[in-house]
């Protein structure tokens, strides 16, 4: 007995893509929280987890860049976020000394 094919329309694709977005956000921020916990509470090295967070963002950015879907607004927001992250990292390094 064969099952009938599942009909896929725009709503199905949009719902799938939204679910992937939520899963990516949960995974990325979960790794980020786990990294912060390991670094600040347990005083362990957490570069492996932080590398996973950064690599995940880089892969998504690369894929979207190849598809030419990134806007100038995105570039400005990313630049500001990177600059803010750099300032926070410098402050944390200076405070720990």
PDB file of N, CA and C in Angstrom:
ATOM      1  N   UNK A   1       0.846  -1.167   0.000  1.00  0.00           N
ATOM      2  CA  UNK A   1       0.000   0.000   0.000  1.00  0.00           C
ATOM      3  C   UNK A   1       0.900   1.241   0.000  1.00  0.00           C
ATOM      4  N   UNK A   2       0.656   2.123  -0.919  1.00  0.00           N
ATOM      5  CA  UNK A   2       1.458   3.339  -1.000  1.00  0.00           C
ATOM      6  C   UNK A   2       0.693   4.497  -0.379  1.00  0.00           C
ATOM      7  N   UNK A   3       1.428   5.358   0.244  1.00  0.00           N
ATOM      8  CA  UNK A   3       0.803   6.542   0.845  1.00  0.00           C
ATOM      9  C   UNK A   3       0.761   7.647  -0.192  1.00  0.00           C
ATOM     10  N   UNK A   4      -0.277   8.444  -0.156  1.00  0.00           N
ATOM     11  CA  UNK A   4      -0.361   9.531  -1.127  1.00  0.00           C
ATOM     12  C   UNK A   4       0.702  10.592  -0.826  1.00  0.00           C
ATOM     13  N   UNK A   5       1.191  11.270  -1.857  1.00  0.00           N
ATOM     14  CA  UNK A   5       2.217  12.298  -1.613  1.00  0.00           C
ATOM     15  C   UNK A   5       1.644  13.462  -0.805  1.00  0.00           C
ATOM     16  N   UNK A   6       2.512  14.059  -0.008  1.00  0.00           N
ATOM     17  CA  UNK A   6       2.102  15.210   0.800  1.00  0.00           C
ATOM     18  C   UNK A   6       2.166  16.448  -0.075  1.00  0.00           C
ATOM     19  N   UNK A   7       1.090  17.202  -0.089  1.00  0.00           N
ATOM     20  CA  UNK A   7       1.048  18.418  -0.888  1.00  0.00           C
ATOM     21  C   UNK A   7       1.798  19.525  -0.150  1.00  0.00           C
ATOM     22  N   UNK A   8       2.744  20.134  -0.827  1.00  0.00           N
ATOM     23  CA  UNK A   8       3.543  21.202  -0.218  1.00  0.00           C
ATOM     24  C   UNK A   8       3.199  22.508  -0.922  1.00  0.00           C
ATOM     25  N   UNK A   9       2.824  23.490  -0.141  1.00  0.00           N
ATOM     26  CA  UNK A   9       2.544  24.805  -0.699  1.00  0.00           C
ATOM     27  C   UNK A   9       3.405  25.843   0.014  1.00  0.00           C
ATOM     28  N   UNK A  10       3.174  27.120  -0.291  1.00  0.00           N
ATOM     29  CA  UNK A  10       3.981  28.184   0.301  1.00  0.00           C
ATOM     30  C   UNK A  10       3.838  28.240   1.820  1.00  0.00           C
ATOM     31  N   UNK A  11       2.641  27.951   2.321  1.00  0.00           N
ATOM     32  CA  UNK A  11       2.413  27.992   3.765  1.00  0.00           C
ATOM     33  C   UNK A  11       3.232  26.914   4.467  1.00  0.00           C
ATOM     34  N   UNK A  12       3.307  25.738   3.868  1.00  0.00           N
ATOM     35  CA  UNK A  12       4.088  24.650   4.447  1.00  0.00           C
ATOM     36  C   UNK A  12       5.568  25.017   4.495  1.00  0.00           C
ATOM     37  N   UNK A  13       6.073  25.557   3.412  1.00  0.00           N
ATOM     38  CA  UNK A  13       7.485  25.952   3.355  1.00  0.00           C
ATOM     39  C   UNK A  13       7.764  27.069   4.354  1.00  0.00           C
ATOM     40  N   UNK A  14       6.869  28.058   4.446  1.00  0.00           N
ATOM     41  CA  UNK A  14       7.059  29.161   5.397  1.00  0.00           C
ATOM     42  C   UNK A  14       7.044  28.650   6.835  1.00  0.00           C
ATOM     43  N   UNK A  15       6.162  27.705   7.133  1.00  0.00           N
ATOM     44  CA  UNK A  15       6.094  27.145   8.480  1.00  0.00           C
ATOM     45  C   UNK A  15       7.358  26.357   8.801  1.00  0.00           C
ATOM     46  N   UNK A  16       7.840  25.578   7.842  1.00  0.00           N
ATOM     47  CA  UNK A  16       9.081  24.841   8.055  1.00  0.00           C
ATOM     48  C   UNK A  16      10.253  25.795   8.298  1.00  0.00           C
ATOM     49  N   UNK A  17      10.359  26.825   7.487  1.00  0.00           N
ATOM     50  CA  UNK A  17      11.448  27.776   7.647  1.00  0.00           C
ATOM     51  C   UNK A  17      11.370  28.500   8.990  1.00  0.00           C
ATOM     52  N   UNK A  18      10.170  28.845   9.431  1.00  0.00           N
ATOM     53  CA  UNK A  18      10.012  29.483  10.741  1.00  0.00           C
ATOM     54  C   UNK A  18      10.436  28.530  11.855  1.00  0.00           C
ATOM     55  N   UNK A  19      10.111  27.260  11.722  1.00  0.00           N
ATOM     56  CA  UNK A  19      10.508  26.291  12.749  1.00  0.00           C
ATOM     57  C   UNK A  19      12.029  26.134  12.783  1.00  0.00           C
ATOM     58  N   UNK A  20      12.676  26.148  11.613  1.00  0.00           N
ATOM     59  CA  UNK A  20      14.138  26.065  11.581  1.00  0.00           C
ATOM     60  C   UNK A  20      14.756  27.297  12.231  1.00  0.00           C
ATOM     61  N   UNK A  21      14.150  28.454  12.015  1.00  0.00           N
ATOM     62  CA  UNK A  21      14.656  29.686  12.624  1.00  0.00           C
ATOM     63  C   UNK A  21      14.585  29.600  14.143  1.00  0.00           C
ATOM     64  N   UNK A  22      13.442  29.144  14.667  1.00  0.00           N
ATOM     65  CA  UNK A  22      13.297  29.029  16.122  1.00  0.00           C
ATOM     66  C   UNK A  22      14.269  28.006  16.692  1.00  0.00           C
ATOM     67  N   UNK A  23      14.435  26.887  15.989  1.00  0.00           N
ATOM     68  CA  UNK A  23      15.370  25.858  16.463  1.00  0.00           C
ATOM     69  C   UNK A  23      16.794  26.400  16.487  1.00  0.00           C
ATOM     70  N   UNK A  24      17.173  27.157  15.464  1.00  0.00           N
ATOM     71  CA  UNK A  24      18.509  27.745  15.410  1.00  0.00           C
ATOM     72  C   UNK A  24      18.704  28.746  16.544  1.00  0.00           C
ATOM     73  N   UNK A  25      17.698  29.565  16.811  1.00  0.00           N
ATOM     74  CA  UNK A  25      17.807  30.535  17.899  1.00  0.00           C
ATOM     75  C   UNK A  25      17.935  29.852  19.252  1.00  0.00           C
ATOM     76  N   UNK A  26      17.131  28.840  19.493  1.00  0.00           N
ATOM     77  CA  UNK A  26      17.207  28.113  20.767  1.00  0.00           C
ATOM     78  C   UNK A  26      18.572  27.458  20.922  1.00  0.00           C
ATOM     79  N   UNK A  27      19.052  26.819  19.865  1.00  0.00           N
ATOM     80  CA  UNK A  27      20.348  26.154  19.926  1.00  0.00           C
ATOM     81  C   UNK A  27      21.486  27.153  20.134  1.00  0.00           C
ATOM     82  N   UNK A  28      21.477  28.245  19.384  1.00  0.00           N
ATOM     83  CA  UNK A  28      22.555  29.231  19.494  1.00  0.00           C
ATOM     84  C   UNK A  28      22.581  29.895  20.865  1.00  0.00           C
ATOM     85  N   UNK A  29      21.423  30.352  21.341  1.00  0.00           N
ATOM     86  CA  UNK A  29      21.408  31.016  22.631  1.00  0.00           C
ATOM     87  C   UNK A  29      21.609  30.027  23.775  1.00  0.00           C
ATOM     88  N   UNK A  30      21.174  28.788  23.602  1.00  0.00           N
ATOM     89  CA  UNK A  30      21.463  27.760  24.601  1.00  0.00           C
ATOM     90  C   UNK A  30      22.957  27.504  24.723  1.00  0.00           C
ATOM     91  N   UNK A  31      23.634  27.416  23.580  1.00  0.00           N
ATOM     92  CA  UNK A  31      25.089  27.260  23.606  1.00  0.00           C
ATOM     93  C   UNK A  31      25.763  28.478  24.214  1.00  0.00           C
ATOM     94  N   UNK A  32      25.247  29.655  23.910  1.00  0.00           N
ATOM     95  CA  UNK A  32      25.829  30.875  24.462  1.00  0.00           C
ATOM     96  C   UNK A  32      25.677  30.926  25.981  1.00  0.00           C
ATOM     97  N   UNK A  33      24.518  30.546  26.500  1.00  0.00           N
ATOM     98  CA  UNK A  33      24.297  30.515  27.952  1.00  0.00           C
ATOM     99  C   UNK A  33      25.196  29.456  28.591  1.00  0.00           C
ATOM    100  N   UNK A  34      25.299  28.299  27.943  1.00  0.00           N
ATOM    101  CA  UNK A  34      26.169  27.248  28.467  1.00  0.00           C
ATOM    102  C   UNK A  34      27.630  27.692  28.491  1.00  0.00           C
ATOM    103  N   UNK A  35      28.036  28.426  27.464  1.00  0.00           N
ATOM    104  CA  UNK A  35      29.390  28.962  27.410  1.00  0.00           C
ATOM    105  C   UNK A  35      29.632  29.947  28.543  1.00  0.00           C
ATOM    106  N   UNK A  36      28.685  30.851  28.748  1.00  0.00           N
ATOM    107  CA  UNK A  36      28.825  31.833  29.827  1.00  0.00           C
ATOM    108  C   UNK A  36      28.871  31.143  31.188  1.00  0.00           C
ATOM    109  N   UNK A  37      28.041  30.125  31.389  1.00  0.00           N
ATOM    110  CA  UNK A  37      28.038  29.396  32.653  1.00  0.00           C
ATOM    111  C   UNK A  37      29.394  28.728  32.900  1.00  0.00           C
ATOM    112  N   UNK A  38      29.902  28.050  31.879  1.00  0.00           N
ATOM    113  CA  UNK A  38      31.202  27.382  32.032  1.00  0.00           C
ATOM    114  C   UNK A  38      32.317  28.377  32.326  1.00  0.00           C
ATOM    115  N   UNK A  39      32.256  29.537  31.687  1.00  0.00           N
ATOM    116  CA  UNK A  39      33.342  30.509  31.855  1.00  0.00           C
ATOM    117  C   UNK A  39      33.256  31.241  33.185  1.00  0.00           C
ATOM    118  N   UNK A  40      32.068  31.705  33.565  1.00  0.00           N
ATOM    119  CA  UNK A  40      31.952  32.574  34.734  1.00  0.00           C
ATOM    120  C   UNK A  40      31.695  31.829  36.039  1.00  0.00           C
ATOM    121  N   UNK A  41      30.992  30.703  35.996  1.00  0.00           N
ATOM    122  CA  UNK A  41      30.663  29.980  37.228  1.00  0.00           C
ATOM    123  C   UNK A  41      31.695  28.894  37.516  1.00  0.00           C
ATOM    124  N   UNK A  42      31.985  28.085  36.523  1.00  0.00           N
ATOM    125  CA  UNK A  42      32.908  26.968  36.736  1.00  0.00           C
ATOM    126  C   UNK A  42      34.362  27.320  36.433  1.00  0.00           C
ATOM    127  N   UNK A  43      34.585  28.481  35.824  1.00  0.00           N
ATOM    128  CA  UNK A  43      35.925  28.948  35.446  1.00  0.00           C
ATOM    129  C   UNK A  43      36.641  27.945  34.545  1.00  0.00           C
ATOM    130  N   UNK A  44      35.866  27.310  33.652  1.00  0.00           N
ATOM    131  CA  UNK A  44      36.417  26.396  32.657  1.00  0.00           C
ATOM    132  C   UNK A  44      36.629  27.136  31.349  1.00  0.00           C
ATOM    133  N   UNK A  45      37.461  26.572  30.513  1.00  0.00           N
ATOM    134  CA  UNK A  45      37.628  27.110  29.172  1.00  0.00           C
ATOM    135  C   UNK A  45      36.394  26.743  28.349  1.00  0.00           C
ATOM    136  N   UNK A  46      35.828  27.720  27.688  1.00  0.00           N
ATOM    137  CA  UNK A  46      34.586  27.483  26.944  1.00  0.00           C
ATOM    138  C   UNK A  46      34.726  27.858  25.477  1.00  0.00           C
ATOM    139  N   UNK A  47      35.939  27.849  24.969  1.00  0.00           N
ATOM    140  CA  UNK A  47      36.155  28.264  23.578  1.00  0.00           C
ATOM    141  C   UNK A  47      35.533  27.302  22.589  1.00  0.00           C
ATOM    142  N   UNK A  48      35.425  26.022  22.950  1.00  0.00           N
ATOM    143  CA  UNK A  48      34.841  25.060  22.029  1.00  0.00           C
ATOM    144  C   UNK A  48      33.361  25.369  21.778  1.00  0.00           C
ATOM    145  N   UNK A  49      32.629  25.687  22.848  1.00  0.00           N
ATOM    146  CA  UNK A  49      31.216  26.024  22.671  1.00  0.00           C
ATOM    147  C   UNK A  49      31.039  27.368  21.976  1.00  0.00           C
ATOM    148  N   UNK A  50      31.876  28.322  22.334  1.00  0.00           N
ATOM    149  CA  UNK A  50      31.796  29.632  21.697  1.00  0.00           C
ATOM    150  C   UNK A  50      32.125  29.529  20.210  1.00  0.00           C
ATOM    151  N   UNK A  51      33.043  28.662  19.859  1.00  0.00           N
ATOM    152  CA  UNK A  51      33.365  28.463  18.444  1.00  0.00           C
ATOM    153  C   UNK A  51      32.171  27.895  17.683  1.00  0.00           C
ATOM    154  N   UNK A  52      31.389  27.016  18.327  1.00  0.00           N
ATOM    155  CA  UNK A  52      30.185  26.484  17.685  1.00  0.00           C
ATOM    156  C   UNK A  52      29.158  27.589  17.424  1.00  0.00           C
ATOM    157  N   UNK A  53      28.984  28.505  18.378  1.00  0.00           N
ATOM    158  CA  UNK A  53      28.052  29.615  18.198  1.00  0.00           C
ATOM    159  C   UNK A  53      28.503  30.493  17.037  1.00  0.00           C
ATOM    160  N   UNK A  54      29.782  30.828  17.014  1.00  0.00           N
ATOM    161  CA  UNK A  54      30.316  31.701  15.963  1.00  0.00           C
ATOM    162  C   UNK A  54      30.272  31.001  14.608  1.00  0.00           C
ATOM    163  N   UNK A  55      30.629  29.731  14.566  1.00  0.00           N
ATOM    164  CA  UNK A  55      30.613  28.986  13.314  1.00  0.00           C
ATOM    165  C   UNK A  55      29.191  28.865  12.758  1.00  0.00           C
ATOM    166  N   UNK A  56      28.217  28.637  13.631  1.00  0.00           N
ATOM    167  CA  UNK A  56      26.826  28.565  13.179  1.00  0.00           C
ATOM    168  C   UNK A  56      26.370  29.866  12.537  1.00  0.00           C
ATOM    169  N   UNK A  57      26.720  30.975  13.145  1.00  0.00           N
ATOM    170  CA  UNK A  57      26.373  32.269  12.562  1.00  0.00           C
ATOM    171  C   UNK A  57      27.104  32.531  11.261  1.00  0.00           C
ATOM    172  N   UNK A  58      28.365  32.119  11.189  1.00  0.00           N
ATOM    173  CA  UNK A  58      29.147  32.326   9.966  1.00  0.00           C
ATOM    174  C   UNK A  58      28.596  31.504   8.806  1.00  0.00           C
ATOM    175  N   UNK A  59      28.184  30.274   9.073  1.00  0.00           N
ATOM    176  CA  UNK A  59      27.621  29.429   8.015  1.00  0.00           C
ATOM    177  C   UNK A  59      26.330  30.037   7.477  1.00  0.00           C
ATOM    178  N   UNK A  60      25.452  30.470   8.376  1.00  0.00           N
ATOM    179  CA  UNK A  60      24.194  31.080   7.938  1.00  0.00           C
ATOM    180  C   UNK A  60      24.456  32.363   7.149  1.00  0.00           C
ATOM    181  N   UNK A  61      25.394  33.168   7.608  1.00  0.00           N
ATOM    182  CA  UNK A  61      25.722  34.413   6.915  1.00  0.00           C
ATOM    183  C   UNK A  61      26.311  34.127   5.537  1.00  0.00           C
ATOM    184  N   UNK A  62      27.217  33.165   5.449  1.00  0.00           N
ATOM    185  CA  UNK A  62      27.820  32.804   4.173  1.00  0.00           C
ATOM    186  C   UNK A  62      26.762  32.321   3.180  1.00  0.00           C
ATOM    187  N   UNK A  63      25.868  31.464   3.642  1.00  0.00           N
ATOM    188  CA  UNK A  63      24.821  30.919   2.777  1.00  0.00           C
ATOM    189  C   UNK A  63      23.894  32.025   2.274  1.00  0.00           C
ATOM    190  N   UNK A  64      23.504  32.927   3.169  1.00  0.00           N
ATOM    191  CA  UNK A  64      22.633  34.022   2.768  1.00  0.00           C
ATOM    192  C   UNK A  64      23.363  34.997   1.852  1.00  0.00           C
ATOM    193  N   UNK A  65      24.645  35.200   2.088  1.00  0.00           N
ATOM    194  CA  UNK A  65      25.432  36.066   1.215  1.00  0.00           C
ATOM    195  C   UNK A  65      25.543  35.501  -0.189  1.00  0.00           C
ATOM    196  N   UNK A  66      25.734  34.191  -0.287  1.00  0.00           N
ATOM    197  CA  UNK A  66      25.772  33.553  -1.610  1.00  0.00           C
ATOM    198  C   UNK A  66      24.446  33.682  -2.324  1.00  0.00           C
ATOM    199  N   UNK A  67      23.356  33.679  -1.569  1.00  0.00           N
ATOM    200  CA  UNK A  67      22.027  33.832  -2.168  1.00  0.00           C
ATOM    201  C   UNK A  67      21.638  35.278  -2.399  1.00  0.00           C
ATOM    202  N   UNK A  68      22.523  36.200  -2.022  1.00  0.00           N
ATOM    203  CA  UNK A  68      22.323  37.644  -2.193  1.00  0.00           C
ATOM    204  C   UNK A  68      21.016  38.129  -1.549  1.00  0.00           C
ATOM    205  N   UNK A  69      20.813  37.725  -0.301  1.00  0.00           N
ATOM    206  CA  UNK A  69      19.612  38.150   0.420  1.00  0.00           C
ATOM    207  C   UNK A  69      19.924  39.088   1.582  1.00  0.00           C
ATOM    208  N   UNK A  70      21.196  39.430   1.762  1.00  0.00           N
ATOM    209  CA  UNK A  70      21.577  40.318   2.865  1.00  0.00           C
ATOM    210  C   UNK A  70      21.421  41.774   2.420  1.00  0.00           C
ATOM    211  N   UNK A  71      20.887  42.603   3.310  1.00  0.00           N
ATOM    212  CA  UNK A  71      20.642  43.999   2.977  1.00  0.00           C
ATOM    213  C   UNK A  71      21.676  44.905   3.652  1.00  0.00           C
ATOM    214  N   UNK A  72      21.648  46.175   3.277  1.00  0.00           N
ATOM    215  CA  UNK A  72      22.551  47.140   3.907  1.00  0.00           C
ATOM    216  C   UNK A  72      22.183  47.327   5.378  1.00  0.00           C
ATOM    217  N   UNK A  73      20.903  47.278   5.691  1.00  0.00           N
ATOM    218  CA  UNK A  73      20.454  47.376   7.090  1.00  0.00           C
ATOM    219  C   UNK A  73      21.051  46.241   7.914  1.00  0.00           C
ATOM    220  N   UNK A  74      21.087  45.038   7.329  1.00  0.00           N
ATOM    221  CA  UNK A  74      21.673  43.893   8.011  1.00  0.00           C
ATOM    222  C   UNK A  74      23.154  44.134   8.267  1.00  0.00           C
ATOM    223  N   UNK A  75      23.849  44.669   7.268  1.00  0.00           N
ATOM    224  CA  UNK A  75      25.287  44.920   7.412  1.00  0.00           C
ATOM    225  C   UNK A  75      25.556  45.921   8.532  1.00  0.00           C
ATOM    226  N   UNK A  76      24.755  46.976   8.618  1.00  0.00           N
ATOM    227  CA  UNK A  76      24.929  47.977   9.681  1.00  0.00           C
ATOM    228  C   UNK A  76      24.649  47.348  11.047  1.00  0.00           C
ATOM    229  N   UNK A  77      23.566  46.598  11.150  1.00  0.00           N
ATOM    230  CA  UNK A  77      23.221  45.950  12.421  1.00  0.00           C
ATOM    231  C   UNK A  77      24.308  44.960  12.841  1.00  0.00           C
ATOM    232  N   UNK A  78      24.846  44.213  11.907  1.00  0.00           N
ATOM    233  CA  UNK A  78      25.909  43.259  12.216  1.00  0.00           C
ATOM    234  C   UNK A  78      27.179  43.971  12.655  1.00  0.00           C
ATOM    235  N   UNK A  79      27.500  45.064  11.988  1.00  0.00           N
ATOM    236  CA  UNK A  79      28.674  45.837  12.371  1.00  0.00           C
ATOM    237  C   UNK A  79      28.557  46.411  13.767  1.00  0.00           C
ATOM    238  N   UNK A  80      27.384  46.956  14.088  1.00  0.00           N
ATOM    239  CA  UNK A  80      27.156  47.508  15.424  1.00  0.00           C
ATOM    240  C   UNK A  80      27.221  46.404  16.477  1.00  0.00           C
ATOM    241  N   UNK A  81      26.621  45.252  16.180  1.00  0.00           N
ATOM    242  CA  UNK A  81      26.657  44.132  17.128  1.00  0.00           C
ATOM    243  C   UNK A  81      28.085  43.631  17.350  1.00  0.00           C
ATOM    244  N   UNK A  82      28.860  43.545  16.276  1.00  0.00           N
ATOM    245  CA  UNK A  82      30.252  43.098  16.413  1.00  0.00           C
ATOM    246  C   UNK A  82      31.074  44.103  17.221  1.00  0.00           C
ATOM    247  N   UNK A  83      30.863  45.387  16.977  1.00  0.00           N
ATOM    248  CA  UNK A  83      31.576  46.419  17.727  1.00  0.00           C
ATOM    249  C   UNK A  83      31.192  46.376  19.207  1.00  0.00           C
ATOM    250  N   UNK A  84      29.902  46.228  19.489  1.00  0.00           N
ATOM    251  CA  UNK A  84      29.439  46.129  20.871  1.00  0.00           C
ATOM    252  C   UNK A  84      30.018  44.895  21.559  1.00  0.00           C
ATOM    253  N   UNK A  85      30.053  43.767  20.847  1.00  0.00           N
ATOM    254  CA  UNK A  85      30.638  42.543  21.409  1.00  0.00           C
ATOM    255  C   UNK A  85      32.118  42.731  21.702  1.00  0.00           C
ATOM    256  N   UNK A  86      32.811  43.422  20.824  1.00  0.00           N
ATOM    257  CA  UNK A  86      34.233  43.683  21.041  1.00  0.00           C
ATOM    258  C   UNK A  86      34.453  44.551  22.277  1.00  0.00           C
ATOM    259  N   UNK A  87      33.637  45.579  22.448  1.00  0.00           N
ATOM    260  CA  UNK A  87      33.759  46.454  23.623  1.00  0.00           C
ATOM    261  C   UNK A  87      33.476  45.666  24.900  1.00  0.00           C
ATOM    262  N   UNK A  88      32.437  44.848  24.893  1.00  0.00           N
ATOM    263  CA  UNK A  88      32.105  44.045  26.072  1.00  0.00           C
ATOM    264  C   UNK A  88      33.237  43.062  26.386  1.00  0.00           C
ATOM    265  N   UNK A  89      33.814  42.445  25.347  1.00  0.00           N
ATOM    266  CA  UNK A  89      34.921  41.502  25.560  1.00  0.00           C
ATOM    267  C   UNK A  89      36.128  42.199  26.167  1.00  0.00           C
ATOM    268  N   UNK A  90      36.446  43.378  25.677  1.00  0.00           N
ATOM    269  CA  UNK A  90      37.584  44.124  26.221  1.00  0.00           C
ATOM    270  C   UNK A  90      37.333  44.488  27.681  1.00  0.00           C
ATOM    271  N   UNK A  91      36.127  44.940  27.994  1.00  0.00           N
ATOM    272  CA  UNK A  91      35.792  45.299  29.376  1.00  0.00           C
ATOM    273  C   UNK A  91      35.902  44.065  30.280  1.00  0.00           C
ATOM    274  N   UNK A  92      35.385  42.928  29.822  1.00  0.00           N
ATOM    275  CA  UNK A  92      35.461  41.705  30.637  1.00  0.00           C
ATOM    276  C   UNK A  92      36.903  41.269  30.866  1.00  0.00           C
ATOM    277  N   UNK A  93      37.738  41.382  29.862  1.00  0.00           N
ATOM    278  CA  UNK A  93      39.148  41.002  30.014  1.00  0.00           C
ATOM    279  C   UNK A  93      39.818  41.932  31.008  1.00  0.00           C
ATOM    280  N   UNK A  94      39.552  43.220  30.917  1.00  0.00           N
ATOM    281  CA  UNK A  94      40.172  44.180  31.838  1.00  0.00           C
ATOM    282  C   UNK A  94      39.675  44.024  33.271  1.00  0.00           C
ATOM    283  N   UNK A  95      38.415  43.656  33.435  1.00  0.00           N
ATOM    284  CA  UNK A  95      37.856  43.475  34.778  1.00  0.00           C
ATOM    285  C   UNK A  95      38.427  42.221  35.447  1.00  0.00           C
ATOM    286  N   UNK A  96      38.666  41.182  34.684  1.00  0.00           N
ATOM    287  CA  UNK A  96      39.172  39.922  35.243  1.00  0.00           C
ATOM    288  C   UNK A  96      40.604  40.029  35.716  1.00  0.00           C
ATOM    289  N   UNK A  97      41.342  41.008  35.261  1.00  0.00           N
ATOM    290  CA  UNK A  97      42.759  41.142  35.661  1.00  0.00           C
ATOM    291  C   UNK A  97      42.870  41.752  36.984  1.00  0.00           C
TER     292      UNK A  97
END
